[in-house]
Amino acid sequence: MRSSFSSSCHRSISELAGDRKLEVPILTTISVPIQMEGRGRMLPLLALHAVAEYYRLPWKPPVTAGLIAANTLVYLKPAFLRHLLPSIEEVWFNPHLILKNKDARRFFLSPFYHINESHLVYNMISLLWKGIQLETSMGSLEFASMVAALLTMSQGITMLLAKTLVVFLDYPKPFYSEYAVGFSGVLFAMKVVLNSQSADYAHVHGLVVPSRYAAWAELILIQMFAPGVSFLGHLGGILAGMLYLKLKGEYSGSGSGSGSGSDPLVRMLRGLVGIASWPLRAARGLFQPRRMPRVSGRGTVGRETRDGLSGIWRCHACTFDNSGWLSECEMCGTRRGGSMDEIGIQEMRMRRIQRFG
């Protein structure tokens, strides 16, 4: 889930809001105070669950494992990363501060921070389940590009929703006073992508709903039972998933060939890799001997050649390629341009055996 807090309670964070001094309660997904320094027993259970899931898989999805490891390392902040990673107070997602300070760090890093162990473990178990299915079905490169796109779109849509509430509805709280972290915006988007083509039913907190509407049901139920979470963050994730499917569908419809239907970002990355590897391919072509076609007499075998193309014509009887200056086949004597009906099937077979046999 994506945890947030709003302006009303115990701790001053004027350093977060700049000139707006706020008193904020910090809530987890179950509406209890944050314990940033505590370490419980849930992380070993997450590790055990992840190892068990990966052990039974014939192919181990690397991007999913990397995302889980990255989120966990950001939360644990081991000594070798402590001086590199900003504190959670520096990366809270707040639309006002992001736009005011052009703070890309808050925009891109806030999904990787979690306020407590239960917040992290809940999100990582969800990521493990969704990531394995999506990465196995679409491949690591396309999955990684999808996650990057969903993260960017979900954050951007959340900011747009908050700004819209200020401008059109005069409701400034989500824009100025709410601070959120967590990977659940991306997870909601992944749920939309995963269930987009499913005709099955899903269990959402005890309710059975069509899979394609599971994200909407979870959005409503979570907000009912855990009002401290970020409604706009989760809604932004759902809309990002829908937008991603829409863009990918339009791209697939306009594509052709083997690249049709693939992720646009993947196509771009493959193009860049192709450009970067061109000098290597060119150098290899200079030193490797080129394969030449197999030749019999003055004709080639196995290459389709039409009359008048490069001054060569192909005999209908024995398939020998003759010079354009000749009126009869040099191999079997068949007249140029003659019909195959002029000779019998047995005769044509014998001429080909004579040539190749």
Protein backbone atom coordinates (compact mmCIF):
# COMPACT_ATOMS: atom_id res chain seq x y z
CA MET A 1 0.00 0.00 0.00
CA ARG A 2 0.96 3.63 -0.38
CA SER A 3 0.95 5.23 3.05
CA SER A 4 0.33 8.91 3.53
CA PHE A 5 -0.43 11.41 6.23
CA SER A 6 -2.31 14.70 6.35
CA SER A 7 -2.15 17.86 8.37
CA SER A 8 -3.56 17.55 11.88
CA CYS A 9 -1.60 16.12 14.79
CA HIS A 10 1.61 15.49 16.58
CA ARG A 11 4.93 16.30 14.84
CA SER A 12 6.03 19.54 13.21
CA ILE A 13 7.66 19.15 9.79
CA SER A 14 8.18 22.71 8.71
CA GLU A 15 11.42 21.55 7.10
CA LEU A 16 9.28 19.49 4.67
CA ALA A 17 6.73 22.11 3.80
CA GLY A 18 9.07 25.09 3.47
CA ASP A 19 7.09 28.17 4.42
CA ARG A 20 4.02 26.06 5.34
CA LYS A 21 4.34 24.78 8.90
CA LEU A 22 2.34 21.60 9.31
CA GLU A 23 1.50 19.41 12.26
CA VAL A 24 1.16 15.88 10.91
CA PRO A 25 0.22 12.44 12.16
CA ILE A 26 2.21 9.71 10.46
CA LEU A 27 0.03 6.71 9.73
CA THR A 28 0.76 3.26 8.43
CA THR A 29 -1.67 1.26 6.36
CA ILE A 30 -3.31 0.06 9.57
CA SER A 31 -3.47 3.54 11.11
CA VAL A 32 -0.83 3.21 13.80
CA PRO A 33 2.15 5.50 14.45
CA ILE A 34 5.29 4.88 12.43
CA GLN A 35 8.25 3.16 14.04
CA MET A 36 11.04 4.00 11.63
CA GLU A 37 13.87 2.42 13.58
CA GLY A 38 12.16 -0.76 14.70
CA ARG A 39 13.01 -4.10 13.15
CA GLY A 40 10.54 -6.92 13.69
CA ARG A 41 10.30 -10.46 12.51
CA MET A 42 8.49 -9.88 9.21
CA LEU A 43 11.53 -9.41 6.97
CA PRO A 44 12.83 -12.97 7.54
CA LEU A 45 9.38 -14.24 6.62
CA LEU A 46 9.47 -12.16 3.43
CA ALA A 47 12.91 -13.56 2.57
CA LEU A 48 11.75 -17.13 3.25
CA HIS A 49 8.64 -16.64 1.12
CA ALA A 50 10.64 -15.14 -1.77
CA VAL A 51 13.24 -17.93 -1.68
CA ALA A 52 10.53 -20.59 -1.65
CA GLU A 53 8.75 -19.00 -4.62
CA TYR A 54 11.94 -18.66 -6.66
CA TYR A 55 13.14 -22.17 -5.80
CA ARG A 56 10.13 -23.78 -7.47
CA LEU A 57 10.45 -21.69 -10.65
CA PRO A 58 12.39 -23.15 -13.60
CA TRP A 59 13.33 -19.59 -14.66
CA LYS A 60 14.07 -16.98 -12.00
CA PRO A 61 12.75 -13.51 -12.98
CA PRO A 62 15.71 -11.20 -12.28
CA VAL A 63 13.99 -7.81 -12.48
CA THR A 64 11.36 -8.76 -9.88
CA ALA A 65 14.10 -9.99 -7.54
CA GLY A 66 16.06 -6.79 -8.11
CA LEU A 67 13.06 -4.58 -7.31
CA ILE A 68 12.36 -6.47 -4.08
CA ALA A 69 16.04 -6.25 -3.11
CA ALA A 70 16.16 -2.51 -3.89
CA ASN A 71 13.09 -1.70 -1.80
CA THR A 72 14.39 -3.80 1.08
CA LEU A 73 17.87 -2.25 1.01
CA VAL A 74 16.40 1.26 0.96
CA TYR A 75 14.36 0.40 4.04
CA LEU A 76 17.22 -1.30 5.93
CA LYS A 77 19.81 1.32 4.94
CA PRO A 78 22.94 -0.78 5.51
CA ALA A 79 26.12 1.06 6.45
CA PHE A 80 27.60 1.03 2.93
CA LEU A 81 24.47 2.79 1.56
CA ARG A 82 23.65 5.09 4.45
CA HIS A 83 25.64 8.05 3.11
CA LEU A 84 24.18 7.61 -0.39
CA LEU A 85 20.48 7.30 0.40
CA PRO A 86 18.51 10.39 1.45
CA SER A 87 16.33 10.23 4.53
CA ILE A 88 12.61 9.57 4.19
CA GLU A 89 11.90 13.20 5.15
CA GLU A 90 13.74 14.26 2.00
CA VAL A 91 11.76 12.06 -0.37
CA TRP A 92 8.14 12.21 0.83
CA PHE A 93 5.91 12.57 -2.22
CA ASN A 94 4.24 15.97 -2.00
CA PRO A 95 2.95 17.60 -5.21
CA HIS A 96 3.42 21.15 -3.91
CA LEU A 97 7.08 20.67 -3.01
CA ILE A 98 7.85 18.73 -6.19
CA LEU A 99 6.46 21.48 -8.42
CA LYS A 100 7.75 24.36 -6.33
CA ASN A 101 11.32 23.06 -6.04
CA LYS A 102 11.37 20.97 -9.25
CA ASP A 103 12.34 18.10 -6.97
CA ALA A 104 12.87 15.02 -9.17
CA ARG A 105 14.25 13.12 -6.18
CA ARG A 106 10.88 13.15 -4.43
CA PHE A 107 9.16 12.23 -7.68
CA PHE A 108 11.24 9.15 -8.49
CA LEU A 109 12.52 7.89 -5.11
CA SER A 110 9.40 8.06 -2.95
CA PRO A 111 7.99 4.74 -4.29
CA PHE A 112 11.06 2.89 -2.97
CA TYR A 113 10.66 4.13 0.63
CA HIS A 114 8.35 2.52 3.19
CA ILE A 115 7.39 3.80 6.61
CA ASN A 116 7.62 0.56 8.57
CA GLU A 117 8.23 -3.15 8.21
CA SER A 118 4.62 -4.20 7.70
CA HIS A 119 4.25 -1.58 4.97
CA LEU A 120 7.32 -2.93 3.18
CA VAL A 121 6.47 -6.62 3.55
CA TYR A 122 2.87 -6.18 2.38
CA ASN A 123 4.01 -4.37 -0.76
CA MET A 124 6.89 -6.74 -1.51
CA ILE A 125 4.72 -9.86 -1.26
CA SER A 126 2.32 -8.23 -3.69
CA LEU A 127 5.24 -7.30 -5.98
CA LEU A 128 6.57 -10.88 -5.80
CA TRP A 129 3.26 -12.37 -6.91
CA LYS A 130 2.54 -9.85 -9.69
CA GLY A 131 6.12 -9.48 -10.85
CA ILE A 132 6.74 -13.20 -11.35
CA GLN A 133 3.65 -13.54 -13.53
CA LEU A 134 4.23 -10.43 -15.61
CA GLU A 135 7.99 -10.86 -16.09
CA THR A 136 7.60 -14.53 -17.00
CA SER A 137 4.99 -13.72 -19.62
CA MET A 138 6.59 -10.63 -21.22
CA GLY A 139 10.33 -11.05 -20.62
CA SER A 140 12.70 -9.11 -18.39
CA LEU A 141 13.47 -6.22 -20.74
CA GLU A 142 9.84 -5.40 -21.49
CA PHE A 143 8.87 -5.90 -17.84
CA ALA A 144 11.59 -3.49 -16.67
CA SER A 145 10.49 -0.86 -19.19
CA MET A 146 6.87 -1.35 -18.13
CA VAL A 147 7.72 -0.81 -14.45
CA ALA A 148 9.64 2.37 -15.30
CA ALA A 149 6.72 3.64 -17.39
CA LEU A 150 4.13 2.77 -14.74
CA LEU A 151 6.14 4.43 -11.97
CA THR A 152 6.53 7.65 -13.96
CA MET A 153 2.91 7.72 -15.10
CA SER A 154 1.43 6.90 -11.69
CA GLN A 155 3.45 9.65 -10.00
CA GLY A 156 2.59 12.14 -12.73
CA ILE A 157 -1.12 11.31 -12.69
CA THR A 158 -1.22 11.62 -8.89
CA MET A 159 0.30 15.10 -9.12
CA LEU A 160 -2.18 16.04 -11.84
CA LEU A 161 -5.12 14.83 -9.75
CA ALA A 162 -3.95 16.79 -6.71
CA LYS A 163 -3.46 19.95 -8.76
CA THR A 164 -6.89 19.50 -10.37
CA LEU A 165 -8.54 19.35 -6.94
CA VAL A 166 -6.90 22.65 -6.01
CA VAL A 167 -7.72 24.50 -9.22
CA PHE A 168 -11.23 23.28 -9.97
CA LEU A 169 -12.65 22.16 -6.62
CA ASP A 170 -10.73 24.42 -4.22
CA TYR A 171 -9.63 21.39 -2.21
CA PRO A 172 -5.94 21.99 -1.36
CA LYS A 173 -5.33 19.23 1.18
CA PRO A 174 -3.92 16.53 -1.18
CA PHE A 175 -1.74 19.08 -2.96
CA TYR A 176 -0.21 20.88 0.01
CA SER A 177 -0.69 18.74 3.12
CA GLU A 178 -0.39 15.08 2.16
CA TYR A 179 2.93 13.25 2.09
CA ALA A 180 3.17 9.70 0.79
CA VAL A 181 5.70 6.93 0.17
CA GLY A 182 5.44 3.35 -0.98
CA PHE A 183 5.43 1.14 -4.07
CA SER A 184 1.70 0.50 -4.10
CA GLY A 185 0.90 3.03 -6.82
CA VAL A 186 3.02 0.95 -9.19
CA LEU A 187 1.47 -2.24 -7.80
CA PHE A 188 -2.05 -1.02 -8.54
CA ALA A 189 -0.95 -0.24 -12.10
CA MET A 190 0.61 -3.70 -12.42
CA LYS A 191 -2.64 -5.25 -11.16
CA VAL A 192 -4.55 -3.48 -13.94
CA VAL A 193 -2.10 -4.75 -16.58
CA LEU A 194 -2.09 -8.28 -15.16
CA ASN A 195 -5.87 -8.58 -15.05
CA SER A 196 -6.63 -6.71 -18.27
CA GLN A 197 -7.18 -9.84 -20.37
CA SER A 198 -8.47 -12.11 -17.61
CA ALA A 199 -12.01 -13.43 -17.68
CA ASP A 200 -11.66 -15.09 -14.27
CA TYR A 201 -12.77 -13.90 -10.85
CA ALA A 202 -10.52 -12.67 -8.07
CA HIS A 203 -10.84 -12.66 -4.28
CA VAL A 204 -10.38 -9.14 -2.88
CA HIS A 205 -10.41 -9.14 0.92
CA GLY A 206 -13.11 -11.82 0.97
CA LEU A 207 -15.16 -10.48 -1.92
CA VAL A 208 -15.35 -12.25 -5.29
CA VAL A 209 -15.18 -9.78 -8.19
CA PRO A 210 -14.27 -10.01 -11.90
CA SER A 211 -10.49 -9.87 -12.18
CA ARG A 212 -10.45 -6.82 -14.43
CA TYR A 213 -12.27 -4.82 -11.72
CA ALA A 214 -10.20 -6.16 -8.82
CA ALA A 215 -8.04 -3.02 -8.60
CA TRP A 216 -11.11 -0.79 -8.27
CA ALA A 217 -12.61 -3.03 -5.59
CA GLU A 218 -9.34 -3.04 -3.64
CA LEU A 219 -9.09 0.76 -3.93
CA ILE A 220 -12.50 1.22 -2.31
CA LEU A 221 -12.07 -1.45 0.37
CA ILE A 222 -8.63 -0.24 1.44
CA GLN A 223 -9.89 3.30 1.76
CA MET A 224 -12.83 2.13 3.87
CA PHE A 225 -10.75 0.11 6.33
CA ALA A 226 -7.49 2.11 6.24
CA PRO A 227 -8.35 5.77 5.63
CA GLY A 228 -4.76 6.84 6.36
CA VAL A 229 -3.49 5.52 3.03
CA SER A 230 -3.11 7.66 -0.07
CA PHE A 231 -6.31 7.44 -2.10
CA LEU A 232 -4.92 9.62 -4.89
CA GLY A 233 -1.71 7.56 -5.04
CA HIS A 234 -3.64 4.33 -5.53
CA LEU A 235 -6.08 5.94 -7.96
CA GLY A 236 -3.14 7.36 -9.91
CA GLY A 237 -1.72 3.84 -10.16
CA ILE A 238 -4.97 2.42 -11.56
CA LEU A 239 -5.24 5.22 -14.12
CA ALA A 240 -1.57 4.73 -15.05
CA GLY A 241 -2.21 1.05 -15.74
CA MET A 242 -5.19 1.91 -17.94
CA LEU A 243 -3.20 4.56 -19.79
CA TYR A 244 -0.32 2.15 -20.34
CA LEU A 245 -2.65 -0.45 -21.86
CA LYS A 246 -4.25 2.22 -24.03
CA LEU A 247 -0.91 3.48 -25.36
CA LYS A 248 0.42 -0.02 -25.90
CA GLY A 249 -2.77 -1.04 -27.71
CA GLU A 250 -2.55 1.94 -30.06
CA TYR A 251 1.12 1.23 -30.71
CA SER A 252 0.35 -2.43 -31.43
CA GLY A 253 -2.42 -1.50 -33.81
CA SER A 254 -0.15 0.73 -35.86
CA GLY A 255 2.79 -1.67 -35.84
CA SER A 256 3.61 -4.42 -38.30
CA GLY A 257 5.92 -7.35 -38.50
CA SER A 258 7.67 -9.01 -35.62
CA GLY A 259 7.87 -5.80 -33.64
CA SER A 260 4.11 -5.33 -33.55
CA GLY A 261 2.72 -5.31 -30.06
CA SER A 262 6.00 -4.88 -28.22
CA ASP A 263 6.59 -2.13 -25.71
CA PRO A 264 7.63 1.17 -27.40
CA LEU A 265 10.36 1.68 -24.81
CA VAL A 266 11.70 -1.81 -25.54
CA ARG A 267 11.84 -1.02 -29.26
CA MET A 268 13.76 2.16 -28.50
CA LEU A 269 16.24 0.34 -26.25
CA ARG A 270 16.79 -2.36 -28.86
CA GLY A 271 17.38 0.32 -31.46
CA LEU A 272 19.99 2.00 -29.27
CA VAL A 273 21.69 -1.35 -28.65
CA GLY A 274 21.69 -2.00 -32.39
CA ILE A 275 23.29 1.38 -33.10
CA ALA A 276 25.90 0.88 -30.38
CA SER A 277 26.82 -2.59 -31.68
CA TRP A 278 27.05 -1.52 -35.34
CA PRO A 279 30.86 -0.91 -35.30
CA LEU A 280 31.37 -4.41 -33.87
CA ARG A 281 29.19 -5.98 -36.56
CA ALA A 282 30.97 -4.00 -39.26
CA ALA A 283 34.40 -5.06 -38.00
CA ARG A 284 33.31 -8.69 -37.81
CA GLY A 285 32.05 -8.51 -41.38
CA LEU A 286 35.47 -7.37 -42.59
CA PHE A 287 37.31 -10.35 -41.15
CA GLN A 288 34.77 -13.13 -41.69
CA PRO A 289 34.61 -14.73 -45.14
CA ARG A 290 31.32 -14.19 -46.89
CA ARG A 291 29.25 -17.23 -47.77
CA MET A 292 29.09 -17.77 -51.50
CA PRO A 293 26.27 -19.57 -53.29
CA ARG A 294 26.90 -23.12 -54.48
CA VAL A 295 27.78 -23.15 -58.18
CA SER A 296 27.40 -25.88 -60.82
CA GLY A 297 28.97 -24.97 -64.15
CA ARG A 298 28.10 -21.35 -64.78
CA GLY A 299 24.76 -21.47 -62.95
CA THR A 300 23.84 -21.20 -59.27
CA VAL A 301 21.66 -23.63 -57.36
CA GLY A 302 18.94 -22.73 -54.93
CA ARG A 303 18.58 -19.03 -55.72
CA GLU A 304 15.37 -17.77 -57.25
CA THR A 305 16.12 -16.05 -60.54
CA ARG A 306 13.68 -14.68 -63.08
CA ASP A 307 14.03 -14.12 -66.81
CA GLY A 308 15.68 -10.84 -67.59
CA LEU A 309 17.11 -10.41 -64.05
CA SER A 310 20.86 -9.86 -64.30
CA GLY A 311 20.81 -11.51 -67.77
CA ILE A 312 20.04 -14.98 -66.37
CA TRP A 313 17.09 -17.29 -66.97
CA ARG A 314 16.15 -20.52 -65.18
CA CYS A 315 15.33 -23.73 -66.97
CA HIS A 316 11.89 -25.11 -66.07
CA ALA A 317 13.03 -28.69 -66.51
CA CYS A 318 16.30 -28.93 -64.56
CA THR A 319 16.30 -25.54 -62.74
CA PHE A 320 19.71 -24.63 -64.12
CA ASP A 321 20.45 -20.89 -64.36
CA ASN A 322 21.64 -20.03 -67.87
CA SER A 323 23.13 -16.95 -69.47
CA GLY A 324 20.65 -14.58 -71.03
CA TRP A 325 22.45 -14.97 -74.35
CA LEU A 326 21.45 -18.64 -74.65
CA SER A 327 18.16 -19.82 -76.16
CA GLU A 328 18.46 -23.41 -74.90
CA CYS A 329 19.42 -24.77 -71.50
CA GLU A 330 23.11 -25.48 -71.36
CA MET A 331 22.52 -28.41 -69.00
CA CYS A 332 19.57 -30.33 -70.51
CA GLY A 333 18.83 -28.67 -73.86
CA THR A 334 15.29 -27.50 -73.01
CA ARG A 335 14.13 -24.51 -75.11
CA ARG A 336 14.03 -21.18 -73.31
CA GLY A 337 10.52 -20.02 -72.48
CA GLY A 338 9.05 -23.37 -73.34
CA SER A 339 6.14 -24.79 -71.41
CA MET A 340 6.65 -27.57 -68.90
CA ASP A 341 3.86 -29.44 -70.65
CA GLU A 342 6.09 -29.91 -73.70
CA ILE A 343 8.06 -32.59 -71.83
CA GLY A 344 6.66 -35.32 -69.66
CA ILE A 345 7.02 -35.55 -65.91
CA GLN A 346 9.26 -38.58 -66.22
CA GLU A 347 11.52 -36.79 -68.69
CA MET A 348 11.77 -33.74 -66.41
CA ARG A 349 12.66 -35.99 -63.47
CA MET A 350 15.38 -37.70 -65.47
CA ARG A 351 16.89 -34.38 -66.54
CA ARG A 352 17.05 -33.19 -62.93
CA ILE A 353 18.59 -36.49 -61.82
CA GLN A 354 21.14 -36.15 -64.60
CA ARG A 355 22.03 -32.70 -63.37
CA PHE A 356 22.17 -33.27 -59.60
CA GLY A 357 22.76 -37.00 -59.42
